[in-house]
PDB file of N, CA and C in Angstrom:
ATOM      1  N   MET A   1       0.731  -1.118   0.069  1.00  0.00           N
ATOM      2  CA  MET A   1       0.118  -0.139  -0.104  1.00  0.00           C
ATOM      3  C   MET A   1       0.997   1.117  -0.109  1.00  0.00           C
ATOM      4  N   GLU A   2       0.548   2.297  -1.171  1.00  0.00           N
ATOM      5  CA  GLU A   2       1.269   3.594  -0.990  1.00  0.00           C
ATOM      6  C   GLU A   2       1.118   4.479  -0.386  1.00  0.00           C
ATOM      7  N   SER A   3       1.832   5.287   0.090  1.00  0.00           N
ATOM      8  CA  SER A   3       1.309   6.153   0.848  1.00  0.00           C
ATOM      9  C   SER A   3       1.484   7.637   0.363  1.00  0.00           C
ATOM     10  N   ASN A   4       0.523   8.188   0.356  1.00  0.00           N
ATOM     11  CA  ASN A   4       0.568   9.976  -0.383  1.00  0.00           C
ATOM     12  C   ASN A   4       1.474  11.066   0.390  1.00  0.00           C
ATOM     13  N   ILE A   5       1.993  10.664   1.573  1.00  0.00           N
ATOM     14  CA  ILE A   5       2.770  11.469   2.136  1.00  0.00           C
ATOM     15  C   ILE A   5       4.283  11.394   1.738  1.00  0.00           C
ATOM     16  N   PRO A   6       4.989  12.348   2.057  1.00  0.00           N
ATOM     17  CA  PRO A   6       5.976  12.359   1.202  1.00  0.00           C
ATOM     18  C   PRO A   6       7.384  11.654   2.404  1.00  0.00           C
ATOM     19  N   GLU A   7       8.240  11.026   2.417  1.00  0.00           N
ATOM     20  CA  GLU A   7       9.120  10.295   3.534  1.00  0.00           C
ATOM     21  C   GLU A   7      10.232  11.918   3.936  1.00  0.00           C
ATOM     22  N   ILE A   8      10.281  12.410   5.414  1.00  0.00           N
ATOM     23  CA  ILE A   8      10.961  13.226   5.631  1.00  0.00           C
ATOM     24  C   ILE A   8      12.348  12.510   5.618  1.00  0.00           C
ATOM     25  N   LEU A   9      13.462  13.415   4.986  1.00  0.00           N
ATOM     26  CA  LEU A   9      15.055  12.937   4.736  1.00  0.00           C
ATOM     27  C   LEU A   9      15.600  14.064   5.701  1.00  0.00           C
ATOM     28  N   ALA A  10      16.575  13.414   6.755  1.00  0.00           N
ATOM     29  CA  ALA A  10      16.963  13.453   7.045  1.00  0.00           C
ATOM     30  C   ALA A  10      18.220  14.739   7.091  1.00  0.00           C
ATOM     31  N   ASP A  11      18.575  14.179   5.928  1.00  0.00           N
ATOM     32  CA  ASP A  11      19.549  15.724   5.002  1.00  0.00           C
ATOM     33  C   ASP A  11      19.352  16.680   4.115  1.00  0.00           C
ATOM     34  N   ARG A  12      17.740  16.762   4.799  1.00  0.00           N
ATOM     35  CA  ARG A  12      17.044  18.022   3.858  1.00  0.00           C
ATOM     36  C   ARG A  12      16.727  18.785   4.975  1.00  0.00           C
ATOM     37  N   LEU A  13      16.970  18.975   6.274  1.00  0.00           N
ATOM     38  CA  LEU A  13      16.307  19.190   7.265  1.00  0.00           C
ATOM     39  C   LEU A  13      17.393  20.920   7.506  1.00  0.00           C
ATOM     40  N   ASN A  14      16.349  21.854   7.633  1.00  0.00           N
ATOM     41  CA  ASN A  14      17.124  23.557   8.144  1.00  0.00           C
ATOM     42  C   ASN A  14      17.950  23.642   9.320  1.00  0.00           C
ATOM     43  N   VAL A  15      17.834  22.630  10.722  1.00  0.00           N
ATOM     44  CA  VAL A  15      18.256  22.621  11.552  1.00  0.00           C
ATOM     45  C   VAL A  15      17.866  21.308  12.187  1.00  0.00           C
ATOM     46  N   GLU A  16      19.291  20.868  13.487  1.00  0.00           N
ATOM     47  CA  GLU A  16      19.174  19.835  14.316  1.00  0.00           C
ATOM     48  C   GLU A  16      18.125  19.520  14.396  1.00  0.00           C
ATOM     49  N   PRO A  17      17.543  18.134  14.672  1.00  0.00           N
ATOM     50  CA  PRO A  17      16.081  17.615  15.343  1.00  0.00           C
ATOM     51  C   PRO A  17      16.550  18.032  17.102  1.00  0.00           C
ATOM     52  N   VAL A  18      15.714  17.865  17.781  1.00  0.00           N
ATOM     53  CA  VAL A  18      15.543  18.091  18.888  1.00  0.00           C
ATOM     54  C   VAL A  18      15.631  16.301  19.357  1.00  0.00           C
ATOM     55  N   ILE A  19      16.681  15.916  20.699  1.00  0.00           N
ATOM     56  CA  ILE A  19      16.420  14.257  20.902  1.00  0.00           C
ATOM     57  C   ILE A  19      16.234  14.320  21.873  1.00  0.00           C
ATOM     58  N   LEU A  20      16.702  15.536  22.798  1.00  0.00           N
ATOM     59  CA  LEU A  20      16.622  14.948  24.324  1.00  0.00           C
ATOM     60  C   LEU A  20      16.178  16.512  24.866  1.00  0.00           C
ATOM     61  N   ARG A  21      14.753  17.091  25.226  1.00  0.00           N
ATOM     62  CA  ARG A  21      14.565  17.377  26.201  1.00  0.00           C
ATOM     63  C   ARG A  21      15.227  18.856  25.248  1.00  0.00           C
ATOM     64  N   GLY A  22      14.766  19.202  24.441  1.00  0.00           N
ATOM     65  CA  GLY A  22      15.426  20.992  24.075  1.00  0.00           C
ATOM     66  C   GLY A  22      16.997  20.630  23.750  1.00  0.00           C
ATOM     67  N   LEU A  23      17.285  19.557  23.743  1.00  0.00           N
ATOM     68  CA  LEU A  23      19.055  19.881  23.033  1.00  0.00           C
ATOM     69  C   LEU A  23      18.877  19.202  22.291  1.00  0.00           C
ATOM     70  N   SER A  24      19.961  19.690  20.875  1.00  0.00           N
ATOM     71  CA  SER A  24      20.215  18.775  19.559  1.00  0.00           C
ATOM     72  C   SER A  24      20.800  18.097  20.235  1.00  0.00           C
ATOM     73  N   ASN A  25      21.645  17.127  18.719  1.00  0.00           N
ATOM     74  CA  ASN A  25      23.110  16.255  19.167  1.00  0.00           C
ATOM     75  C   ASN A  25      24.390  17.041  19.500  1.00  0.00           C
ATOM     76  N   SER A  26      24.375  18.411  18.787  1.00  0.00           N
ATOM     77  CA  SER A  26      25.514  18.760  19.354  1.00  0.00           C
ATOM     78  C   SER A  26      25.580  19.017  20.825  1.00  0.00           C
ATOM     79  N   GLU A  27      24.383  20.290  21.037  1.00  0.00           N
ATOM     80  CA  GLU A  27      24.206  20.566  22.193  1.00  0.00           C
ATOM     81  C   GLU A  27      24.823  19.721  23.073  1.00  0.00           C
ATOM     82  N   LEU A  28      23.976  18.462  22.990  1.00  0.00           N
ATOM     83  CA  LEU A  28      23.870  17.170  24.159  1.00  0.00           C
ATOM     84  C   LEU A  28      25.163  16.912  24.162  1.00  0.00           C
ATOM     85  N   MET A  29      25.657  16.979  23.251  1.00  0.00           N
ATOM     86  CA  MET A  29      27.566  16.645  23.731  1.00  0.00           C
ATOM     87  C   MET A  29      28.500  17.615  24.260  1.00  0.00           C
ATOM     88  N   LEU A  30      28.015  18.959  24.064  1.00  0.00           N
ATOM     89  CA  LEU A  30      28.815  19.907  24.426  1.00  0.00           C
ATOM     90  C   LEU A  30      28.526  19.958  25.836  1.00  0.00           C
ATOM     91  N   VAL A  31      26.729  19.667  25.957  1.00  0.00           N
ATOM     92  CA  VAL A  31      26.790  19.555  27.795  1.00  0.00           C
ATOM     93  C   VAL A  31      27.266  18.503  28.467  1.00  0.00           C
ATOM     94  N   LEU A  32      26.983  17.410  27.930  1.00  0.00           N
ATOM     95  CA  LEU A  32      28.333  16.079  27.952  1.00  0.00           C
ATOM     96  C   LEU A  32      29.873  16.194  28.783  1.00  0.00           C
ATOM     97  N   LYS A  33      30.369  16.854  27.729  1.00  0.00           N
ATOM     98  CA  LYS A  33      31.574  17.442  27.855  1.00  0.00           C
ATOM     99  C   LYS A  33      31.916  18.568  29.098  1.00  0.00           C
ATOM    100  N   ILE A  34      31.046  19.318  28.608  1.00  0.00           N
ATOM    101  CA  ILE A  34      31.548  20.726  29.956  1.00  0.00           C
ATOM    102  C   ILE A  34      30.946  19.656  31.908  1.00  0.00           C
ATOM    103  N   SER A  35      29.569  18.646  32.119  1.00  0.00           N
ATOM    104  CA  SER A  35      30.017  17.588  32.549  1.00  0.00           C
ATOM    105  C   SER A  35      30.890  17.378  33.268  1.00  0.00           C
ATOM    106  N   LEU A  36      31.509  16.846  32.231  1.00  0.00           N
ATOM    107  CA  LEU A  36      32.443  15.464  32.519  1.00  0.00           C
ATOM    108  C   LEU A  36      33.237  16.189  32.983  1.00  0.00           C
ATOM    109  N   GLY A  37      34.295  17.428  32.680  1.00  0.00           N
ATOM    110  CA  GLY A  37      34.761  18.200  32.999  1.00  0.00           C
ATOM    111  C   GLY A  37      34.715  18.730  34.371  1.00  0.00           C
ATOM    112  N   VAL A  38      33.844  18.930  34.577  1.00  0.00           N
ATOM    113  CA  VAL A  38      33.680  19.628  35.523  1.00  0.00           C
ATOM    114  C   VAL A  38      33.477  18.517  37.010  1.00  0.00           C
ATOM    115  N   TRP A  39      32.237  17.474  36.568  1.00  0.00           N
ATOM    116  CA  TRP A  39      32.196  16.775  37.821  1.00  0.00           C
ATOM    117  C   TRP A  39      33.136  15.745  38.061  1.00  0.00           C
ATOM    118  N   LEU A  40      33.671  15.044  37.181  1.00  0.00           N
ATOM    119  CA  LEU A  40      34.859  13.850  37.540  1.00  0.00           C
ATOM    120  C   LEU A  40      35.645  14.481  37.959  1.00  0.00           C
ATOM    121  N   PRO A  41      36.314  14.982  37.767  1.00  0.00           N
ATOM    122  CA  PRO A  41      37.608  15.885  38.579  1.00  0.00           C
ATOM    123  C   PRO A  41      36.818  16.281  40.557  1.00  0.00           C
ATOM    124  N   VAL A  42      36.134  16.668  39.868  1.00  0.00           N
ATOM    125  CA  VAL A  42      35.406  17.258  41.621  1.00  0.00           C
ATOM    126  C   VAL A  42      35.029  15.383  42.810  1.00  0.00           C
ATOM    127  N   CYS A  43      34.640  15.021  41.516  1.00  0.00           N
ATOM    128  CA  CYS A  43      33.628  13.731  42.423  1.00  0.00           C
ATOM    129  C   CYS A  43      35.125  13.094  42.794  1.00  0.00           C
ATOM    130  N   ILE A  44      36.197  12.867  41.693  1.00  0.00           N
ATOM    131  CA  ILE A  44      37.667  11.861  42.000  1.00  0.00           C
ATOM    132  C   ILE A  44      38.453  12.647  43.236  1.00  0.00           C
ATOM    133  N   ILE A  45      38.621  14.002  43.141  1.00  0.00           N
ATOM    134  CA  ILE A  45      39.471  14.355  44.523  1.00  0.00           C
ATOM    135  C   ILE A  45      38.535  13.981  45.750  1.00  0.00           C
ATOM    136  N   THR A  46      36.672  14.541  45.794  1.00  0.00           N
ATOM    137  CA  THR A  46      36.602  13.970  46.799  1.00  0.00           C
ATOM    138  C   THR A  46      36.414  12.520  47.147  1.00  0.00           C
ATOM    139  N   ALA A  47      36.754  11.691  46.136  1.00  0.00           N
ATOM    140  CA  ALA A  47      36.101  10.487  46.665  1.00  0.00           C
ATOM    141  C   ALA A  47      37.594   9.810  47.023  1.00  0.00           C
ATOM    142  N   GLY A  48      38.831  10.302  46.458  1.00  0.00           N
ATOM    143  CA  GLY A  48      40.248  10.067  46.834  1.00  0.00           C
ATOM    144  C   GLY A  48      40.606  10.129  48.416  1.00  0.00           C
ATOM    145  N   ILE A  49      39.950  11.704  48.537  1.00  0.00           N
ATOM    146  CA  ILE A  49      39.975  11.810  49.927  1.00  0.00           C
ATOM    147  C   ILE A  49      39.027  11.340  50.878  1.00  0.00           C
ATOM    148  N   LEU A  50      37.662  11.001  50.605  1.00  0.00           N
ATOM    149  CA  LEU A  50      37.428   9.389  51.341  1.00  0.00           C
ATOM    150  C   LEU A  50      37.300   8.181  51.501  1.00  0.00           C
ATOM    151  N   GLY A  51      38.437   7.889  50.201  1.00  0.00           N
ATOM    152  CA  GLY A  51      39.414   6.847  50.892  1.00  0.00           C
ATOM    153  C   GLY A  51      37.879   6.113  49.544  1.00  0.00           C
ATOM    154  N   ASN A  52      37.275   5.841  48.688  1.00  0.00           N
ATOM    155  CA  ASN A  52      36.924   5.504  48.090  1.00  0.00           C
ATOM    156  C   ASN A  52      36.768   5.527  46.272  1.00  0.00           C
ATOM    157  N   PHE A  53      37.284   4.925  45.604  1.00  0.00           N
ATOM    158  CA  PHE A  53      37.910   5.698  44.163  1.00  0.00           C
ATOM    159  C   PHE A  53      36.291   5.282  43.463  1.00  0.00           C
ATOM    160  N   GLY A  54      35.884   4.276  43.455  1.00  0.00           N
ATOM    161  CA  GLY A  54      34.219   3.892  43.105  1.00  0.00           C
ATOM    162  C   GLY A  54      33.332   4.339  43.569  1.00  0.00           C
ATOM    163  N   MET A  55      33.310   4.822  44.356  1.00  0.00           N
ATOM    164  CA  MET A  55      32.297   5.771  44.790  1.00  0.00           C
ATOM    165  C   MET A  55      31.771   7.354  43.984  1.00  0.00           C
ATOM    166  N   GLY A  56      33.261   7.865  43.821  1.00  0.00           N
ATOM    167  CA  GLY A  56      33.486   9.054  43.269  1.00  0.00           C
ATOM    168  C   GLY A  56      33.484   8.748  41.923  1.00  0.00           C
ATOM    169  N   PHE A  57      33.605   7.889  40.730  1.00  0.00           N
ATOM    170  CA  PHE A  57      32.777   8.065  39.524  1.00  0.00           C
ATOM    171  C   PHE A  57      31.499   7.319  39.180  1.00  0.00           C
ATOM    172  N   GLY A  58      30.815   6.583  40.378  1.00  0.00           N
ATOM    173  CA  GLY A  58      29.998   6.511  40.663  1.00  0.00           C
ATOM    174  C   GLY A  58      28.647   7.945  40.962  1.00  0.00           C
ATOM    175  N   ALA A  59      29.499   8.859  41.532  1.00  0.00           N
ATOM    176  CA  ALA A  59      28.833   9.978  41.867  1.00  0.00           C
ATOM    177  C   ALA A  59      28.944  10.766  40.757  1.00  0.00           C
ATOM    178  N   ALA A  60      30.305  10.900  40.143  1.00  0.00           N
ATOM    179  CA  ALA A  60      30.026  11.531  38.548  1.00  0.00           C
ATOM    180  C   ALA A  60      29.282  11.146  38.143  1.00  0.00           C
ATOM    181  N   MET A  61      29.041  10.052  37.296  1.00  0.00           N
ATOM    182  CA  MET A  61      27.854   9.791  36.773  1.00  0.00           C
ATOM    183  C   MET A  61      26.571  10.389  36.952  1.00  0.00           C
ATOM    184  N   VAL A  62      26.212   9.982  38.214  1.00  0.00           N
ATOM    185  CA  VAL A  62      24.812  10.354  38.376  1.00  0.00           C
ATOM    186  C   VAL A  62      24.443  11.935  38.305  1.00  0.00           C
ATOM    187  N   LEU A  63      25.713  12.532  38.578  1.00  0.00           N
ATOM    188  CA  LEU A  63      25.699  14.318  38.810  1.00  0.00           C
ATOM    189  C   LEU A  63      25.576  14.574  36.896  1.00  0.00           C
ATOM    190  N   ILE A  64      26.678  13.883  36.370  1.00  0.00           N
ATOM    191  CA  ILE A  64      26.223  14.281  34.488  1.00  0.00           C
ATOM    192  C   ILE A  64      25.180  13.444  34.058  1.00  0.00           C
ATOM    193  N   ILE A  65      25.003  12.828  34.899  1.00  0.00           N
ATOM    194  CA  ILE A  65      23.061  12.926  34.220  1.00  0.00           C
ATOM    195  C   ILE A  65      22.271  13.648  34.469  1.00  0.00           C
ATOM    196  N   ILE A  66      22.476  14.944  35.694  1.00  0.00           N
ATOM    197  CA  ILE A  66      21.525  15.106  36.387  1.00  0.00           C
ATOM    198  C   ILE A  66      22.120  16.531  35.904  1.00  0.00           C
ATOM    199  N   SER A  67      22.824  17.046  35.192  1.00  0.00           N
ATOM    200  CA  SER A  67      23.235  17.790  34.741  1.00  0.00           C
ATOM    201  C   SER A  67      22.282  17.847  33.673  1.00  0.00           C
ATOM    202  N   VAL A  68      22.582  17.339  32.423  1.00  0.00           N
ATOM    203  CA  VAL A  68      21.793  16.745  31.004  1.00  0.00           C
ATOM    204  C   VAL A  68      20.867  16.995  31.366  1.00  0.00           C
ATOM    205  N   LEU A  69      19.687  16.488  32.536  1.00  0.00           N
ATOM    206  CA  LEU A  69      18.643  16.759  32.447  1.00  0.00           C
ATOM    207  C   LEU A  69      18.001  17.894  32.638  1.00  0.00           C
ATOM    208  N   ILE A  70      18.804  18.591  33.796  1.00  0.00           N
ATOM    209  CA  ILE A  70      18.699  20.177  33.361  1.00  0.00           C
ATOM    210  C   ILE A  70      19.160  21.042  32.673  1.00  0.00           C
ATOM    211  N   SER A  71      19.886  21.160  32.310  1.00  0.00           N
ATOM    212  CA  SER A  71      20.720  21.740  31.070  1.00  0.00           C
ATOM    213  C   SER A  71      19.633  21.435  30.158  1.00  0.00           C
ATOM    214  N   GLY A  72      19.105  20.467  29.818  1.00  0.00           N
ATOM    215  CA  GLY A  72      18.182  20.398  28.400  1.00  0.00           C
ATOM    216  C   GLY A  72      16.600  20.977  29.227  1.00  0.00           C
ATOM    217  N   THR A  73      16.703  20.524  30.607  1.00  0.00           N
ATOM    218  CA  THR A  73      14.711  21.852  30.750  1.00  0.00           C
ATOM    219  C   THR A  73      14.997  23.099  30.360  1.00  0.00           C
ATOM    220  N   LEU A  74      16.260  23.693  31.042  1.00  0.00           N
ATOM    221  CA  LEU A  74      16.732  25.090  31.175  1.00  0.00           C
ATOM    222  C   LEU A  74      16.569  25.680  29.743  1.00  0.00           C
ATOM    223  N   LEU A  75      17.105  24.430  28.431  1.00  0.00           N
ATOM    224  CA  LEU A  75      17.440  24.938  27.245  1.00  0.00           C
ATOM    225  C   LEU A  75      15.823  24.813  26.539  1.00  0.00           C
ATOM    226  N   GLN A  76      15.233  23.933  26.853  1.00  0.00           N
ATOM    227  CA  GLN A  76      13.500  23.879  26.593  1.00  0.00           C
ATOM    228  C   GLN A  76      12.991  25.239  27.053  1.00  0.00           C
ATOM    229  N   LYS A  77      12.988  25.302  27.855  1.00  0.00           N
ATOM    230  CA  LYS A  77      12.029  27.052  28.573  1.00  0.00           C
ATOM    231  C   LYS A  77      12.818  27.918  27.609  1.00  0.00           C
ATOM    232  N   ILE A  78      14.266  28.363  27.185  1.00  0.00           N
ATOM    233  CA  ILE A  78      14.524  29.432  26.280  1.00  0.00           C
ATOM    234  C   ILE A  78      14.107  29.140  25.353  1.00  0.00           C
ATOM    235  N   LYS A  79      14.049  28.355  24.602  1.00  0.00           N
ATOM    236  CA  LYS A  79      14.088  27.822  23.654  1.00  0.00           C
ATOM    237  C   LYS A  79      12.436  27.899  22.612  1.00  0.00           C
ATOM    238  N   ARG A  80      11.483  27.885  23.726  1.00  0.00           N
ATOM    239  CA  ARG A  80      10.226  27.529  23.474  1.00  0.00           C
ATOM    240  C   ARG A  80       9.665  29.070  22.971  1.00  0.00           C
ATOM    241  N   GLY A  81       8.886  28.835  21.680  1.00  0.00           N
ATOM    242  CA  GLY A  81       8.186  30.539  21.324  1.00  0.00           C
ATOM    243  C   GLY A  81       9.551  31.129  20.623  1.00  0.00           C
ATOM    244  N   ARG A  82      10.474  31.147  20.990  1.00  0.00           N
ATOM    245  CA  ARG A  82      11.903  31.657  20.315  1.00  0.00           C
ATOM    246  C   ARG A  82      12.265  31.288  18.673  1.00  0.00           C
ATOM    247  N   PRO A  83      12.550  32.065  17.986  1.00  0.00           N
ATOM    248  CA  PRO A  83      12.878  32.156  16.447  1.00  0.00           C
ATOM    249  C   PRO A  83      14.265  31.195  16.544  1.00  0.00           C
ATOM    250  N   LYS A  84      14.558  30.300  14.996  1.00  0.00           N
ATOM    251  CA  LYS A  84      15.968  29.883  15.855  1.00  0.00           C
ATOM    252  C   LYS A  84      17.242  30.398  15.781  1.00  0.00           C
ATOM    253  N   PHE A  85      18.078  29.334  16.535  1.00  0.00           N
ATOM    254  CA  PHE A  85      19.729  30.023  17.160  1.00  0.00           C
ATOM    255  C   PHE A  85      19.033  31.507  18.013  1.00  0.00           C
ATOM    256  N   TYR A  86      18.230  31.475  18.537  1.00  0.00           N
ATOM    257  CA  TYR A  86      18.055  32.811  19.447  1.00  0.00           C
ATOM    258  C   TYR A  86      18.891  32.650  20.995  1.00  0.00           C
ATOM    259  N   TYR A  87      19.449  31.439  21.297  1.00  0.00           N
ATOM    260  CA  TYR A  87      20.147  32.174  22.637  1.00  0.00           C
ATOM    261  C   TYR A  87      21.040  32.303  21.813  1.00  0.00           C
ATOM    262  N   GLN A  88      21.439  31.528  20.882  1.00  0.00           N
ATOM    263  CA  GLN A  88      23.134  31.722  20.568  1.00  0.00           C
ATOM    264  C   GLN A  88      22.881  33.208  19.780  1.00  0.00           C
ATOM    265  N   HIS A  89      22.589  33.505  20.143  1.00  0.00           N
ATOM    266  CA  HIS A  89      22.763  35.551  19.401  1.00  0.00           C
ATOM    267  C   HIS A  89      22.648  36.226  20.546  1.00  0.00           C
ATOM    268  N   LYS A  90      21.854  35.704  21.333  1.00  0.00           N
ATOM    269  CA  LYS A  90      21.347  36.507  22.773  1.00  0.00           C
ATOM    270  C   LYS A  90      23.394  36.204  23.671  1.00  0.00           C
ATOM    271  N   LEU A  91      23.418  35.259  23.550  1.00  0.00           N
ATOM    272  CA  LEU A  91      24.537  34.436  24.435  1.00  0.00           C
ATOM    273  C   LEU A  91      26.057  36.027  23.558  1.00  0.00           C
ATOM    274  N   ARG A  92      25.708  35.147  21.969  1.00  0.00           N
ATOM    275  CA  ARG A  92      27.038  36.457  21.636  1.00  0.00           C
ATOM    276  C   ARG A  92      26.799  38.126  21.813  1.00  0.00           C
ATOM    277  N   PHE A  93      25.131  38.097  21.767  1.00  0.00           N
ATOM    278  CA  PHE A  93      25.432  39.825  22.553  1.00  0.00           C
ATOM    279  C   PHE A  93      25.924  39.738  23.585  1.00  0.00           C
ATOM    280  N   PHE A  94      25.773  39.056  24.446  1.00  0.00           N
ATOM    281  CA  PHE A  94      26.415  39.293  26.149  1.00  0.00           C
ATOM    282  C   PHE A  94      27.562  39.217  26.391  1.00  0.00           C
ATOM    283  N   LEU A  95      28.523  37.885  25.714  1.00  0.00           N
ATOM    284  CA  LEU A  95      29.826  38.244  25.262  1.00  0.00           C
ATOM    285  C   LEU A  95      30.619  39.389  24.679  1.00  0.00           C
ATOM    286  N   ASN A  96      30.286  40.164  23.612  1.00  0.00           N
ATOM    287  CA  ASN A  96      30.318  41.104  23.157  1.00  0.00           C
ATOM    288  C   ASN A  96      29.991  42.081  23.833  1.00  0.00           C
ATOM    289  N   ASP A  97      28.745  42.658  25.245  1.00  0.00           N
ATOM    290  CA  ASP A  97      29.088  43.812  25.823  1.00  0.00           C
ATOM    291  C   ASP A  97      29.577  43.309  27.242  1.00  0.00           C
ATOM    292  N   SER A  98      30.174  42.661  27.401  1.00  0.00           N
ATOM    293  CA  SER A  98      31.239  42.184  28.952  1.00  0.00           C
ATOM    294  C   SER A  98      32.248  41.862  29.200  1.00  0.00           C
ATOM    295  N   VAL A  99      32.478  40.220  28.087  1.00  0.00           N
ATOM    296  CA  VAL A  99      33.920  40.079  27.980  1.00  0.00           C
ATOM    297  C   VAL A  99      34.410  40.254  26.644  1.00  0.00           C
ATOM    298  N   PHE A 100      34.147  40.178  25.924  1.00  0.00           N
ATOM    299  CA  PHE A 100      35.370  40.563  24.944  1.00  0.00           C
ATOM    300  C   PHE A 100      34.876  41.593  24.031  1.00  0.00           C
ATOM    301  N   LYS A 101      34.577  42.455  24.552  1.00  0.00           N
ATOM    302  CA  LYS A 101      33.978  44.195  24.096  1.00  0.00           C
ATOM    303  C   LYS A 101      35.152  44.105  22.663  1.00  0.00           C
ATOM    304  N   LYS A 102      36.375  44.237  23.457  1.00  0.00           N
ATOM    305  CA  LYS A 102      37.135  44.804  22.242  1.00  0.00           C
ATOM    306  C   LYS A 102      37.549  43.977  21.057  1.00  0.00           C
ATOM    307  N   GLU A 103      37.601  42.954  22.005  1.00  0.00           N
ATOM    308  CA  GLU A 103      37.919  42.013  20.299  1.00  0.00           C
ATOM    309  C   GLU A 103      36.715  41.510  19.269  1.00  0.00           C
ATOM    310  N   LEU A 104      35.110  41.245  19.959  1.00  0.00           N
ATOM    311  CA  LEU A 104      34.579  41.242  19.162  1.00  0.00           C
ATOM    312  C   LEU A 104      33.746  42.581  18.009  1.00  0.00           C
ATOM    313  N   THR A 105      34.133  43.627  18.706  1.00  0.00           N
ATOM    314  CA  THR A 105      34.130  44.863  18.078  1.00  0.00           C
ATOM    315  C   THR A 105      34.693  45.052  16.941  1.00  0.00           C
ATOM    316  N   ASN A 106      36.457  44.934  17.062  1.00  0.00           N
ATOM    317  CA  ASN A 106      37.352  45.080  16.138  1.00  0.00           C
ATOM    318  C   ASN A 106      37.013  44.429  14.760  1.00  0.00           C
ATOM    319  N   ARG A 107      36.316  43.159  15.237  1.00  0.00           N
ATOM    320  CA  ARG A 107      36.150  41.993  13.973  1.00  0.00           C
ATOM    321  C   ARG A 107      34.868  42.092  13.340  1.00  0.00           C
ATOM    322  N   LYS A 108      34.098  43.153  14.480  1.00  0.00           N
ATOM    323  CA  LYS A 108      32.952  42.711  13.677  1.00  0.00           C
ATOM    324  C   LYS A 108      32.092  41.772  13.061  1.00  0.00           C
ATOM    325  N   GLN A 109      32.226  40.861  14.830  1.00  0.00           N
ATOM    326  CA  GLN A 109      31.032  39.834  13.991  1.00  0.00           C
ATOM    327  C   GLN A 109      29.590  40.046  14.458  1.00  0.00           C
ATOM    328  N   VAL A 110      29.668  40.847  15.561  1.00  0.00           N
ATOM    329  CA  VAL A 110      28.373  40.953  15.698  1.00  0.00           C
ATOM    330  C   VAL A 110      27.389  42.348  15.157  1.00  0.00           C
ATOM    331  N   VAL A 111      26.639  42.410  14.230  1.00  0.00           N
ATOM    332  CA  VAL A 111      26.300  43.652  14.348  1.00  0.00           C
ATOM    333  C   VAL A 111      25.411  44.212  14.750  1.00  0.00           C
ATOM    334  N   ARG A 112      24.748  45.372  15.176  1.00  0.00           N
ATOM    335  CA  ARG A 112      23.825  45.725  16.038  1.00  0.00           C
ATOM    336  C   ARG A 112      23.369  47.451  15.454  1.00  0.00           C
ATOM    337  N   TYR A 113      22.266  47.012  14.675  1.00  0.00           N
ATOM    338  CA  TYR A 113      22.016  48.431  14.252  1.00  0.00           C
ATOM    339  C   TYR A 113      20.669  48.653  14.628  1.00  0.00           C
ATOM    340  N   THR A 114      19.570  49.276  14.368  1.00  0.00           N
ATOM    341  CA  THR A 114      18.206  49.457  14.672  1.00  0.00           C
ATOM    342  C   THR A 114      17.953  50.925  13.246  1.00  0.00           C
ATOM    343  N   GLY A 115      17.323  50.205  12.705  1.00  0.00           N
ATOM    344  CA  GLY A 115      16.746  51.494  11.959  1.00  0.00           C
ATOM    345  C   GLY A 115      16.772  50.749  10.271  1.00  0.00           C
ATOM    346  N   ASN A 116      16.186  51.439   9.699  1.00  0.00           N
ATOM    347  CA  ASN A 116      16.532  50.963   8.054  1.00  0.00           C
ATOM    348  C   ASN A 116      17.105  50.417   7.214  1.00  0.00           C
ATOM    349  N   TRP A 117      17.388  49.151   6.474  1.00  0.00           N
ATOM    350  CA  TRP A 117      18.483  49.138   5.750  1.00  0.00           C
ATOM    351  C   TRP A 117      18.517  48.858   4.666  1.00  0.00           C
ATOM    352  N   SER A 118      19.487  49.026   4.420  1.00  0.00           N
ATOM    353  CA  SER A 118      19.474  49.608   2.797  1.00  0.00           C
ATOM    354  C   SER A 118      20.494  48.711   1.443  1.00  0.00           C
ATOM    355  N   LEU A 119      20.271  48.840   0.342  1.00  0.00           N
ATOM    356  CA  LEU A 119      20.575  47.754  -0.482  1.00  0.00           C
ATOM    357  C   LEU A 119      21.791  48.675  -0.821  1.00  0.00           C
ATOM    358  N   GLY A 120      22.090  49.521  -0.552  1.00  0.00           N
ATOM    359  CA  GLY A 120      23.076  50.536  -1.505  1.00  0.00           C
ATOM    360  C   GLY A 120      23.186  51.046  -2.596  1.00  0.00           C
ATOM    361  N   ARG A 121      21.739  51.109  -3.115  1.00  0.00           N
ATOM    362  CA  ARG A 121      21.047  51.831  -4.528  1.00  0.00           C
ATOM    363  C   ARG A 121      19.720  52.964  -4.221  1.00  0.00           C
ATOM    364  N   ASP A 122      19.434  53.572  -5.101  1.00  0.00           N
ATOM    365  CA  ASP A 122      18.546  54.268  -4.738  1.00  0.00           C
ATOM    366  C   ASP A 122      17.367  53.693  -5.584  1.00  0.00           C
ATOM    367  N   ARG A 123      16.462  54.224  -5.267  1.00  0.00           N
ATOM    368  CA  ARG A 123      14.771  53.620  -6.089  1.00  0.00           C
ATOM    369  C   ARG A 123      14.697  54.376  -6.771  1.00  0.00           C
ATOM    370  N   ASN A 124      15.373  55.794  -7.267  1.00  0.00           N
ATOM    371  CA  ASN A 124      14.859  56.726  -8.565  1.00  0.00           C
ATOM    372  C   ASN A 124      16.505  56.250  -9.475  1.00  0.00           C
ATOM    373  N   GLU A 125      17.354  55.390  -9.089  1.00  0.00           N
ATOM    374  CA  GLU A 125      18.247  55.397  -9.697  1.00  0.00           C
ATOM    375  C   GLU A 125      17.583  54.523 -11.717  1.00  0.00           C
ATOM    376  N   PRO A 126      18.068  54.789 -12.597  1.00  0.00           N
ATOM    377  CA  PRO A 126      17.794  53.570 -13.906  1.00  0.00           C
ATOM    378  C   PRO A 126      17.874  52.416 -13.955  1.00  0.00           C
ATOM    379  N   LYS A 127      17.302  51.212 -14.295  1.00  0.00           N
ATOM    380  CA  LYS A 127      18.004  50.724 -14.691  1.00  0.00           C
ATOM    381  C   LYS A 127      19.324  50.397 -15.692  1.00  0.00           C
ATOM    382  N   LYS A 128      19.795  49.781 -15.544  1.00  0.00           N
ATOM    383  CA  LYS A 128      21.137  49.267 -16.988  1.00  0.00           C
ATOM    384  C   LYS A 128      20.624  48.317 -17.971  1.00  0.00           C
TER     385      LYS A 128
END
């Protein structure tokens, strides 16, 4: 039986699909790497002081899972009802205003302009 509904091909999507609580694949990998880099050393050092390294690995894995779930929920709330790439632009504006003001302003990576944009030609100019 043939269906009239076209198949959706993953290579034709404009943005990455959400795979876990508002996180796309690249966002999930970034959250995993950051939480692994933070929680694993903290838990291993704490477990070394307490004398049980197995407990440190277990606690690190639990904290990594909790971090992924919490960050996914936060991103889900941030993304809801917003245009695509909203939070990336907000982060870039924040970094331009506070942290990397001199570097980003010199490289012109962030364009902030309020007003009418023009194509650089006049309406009354004759066509060639």
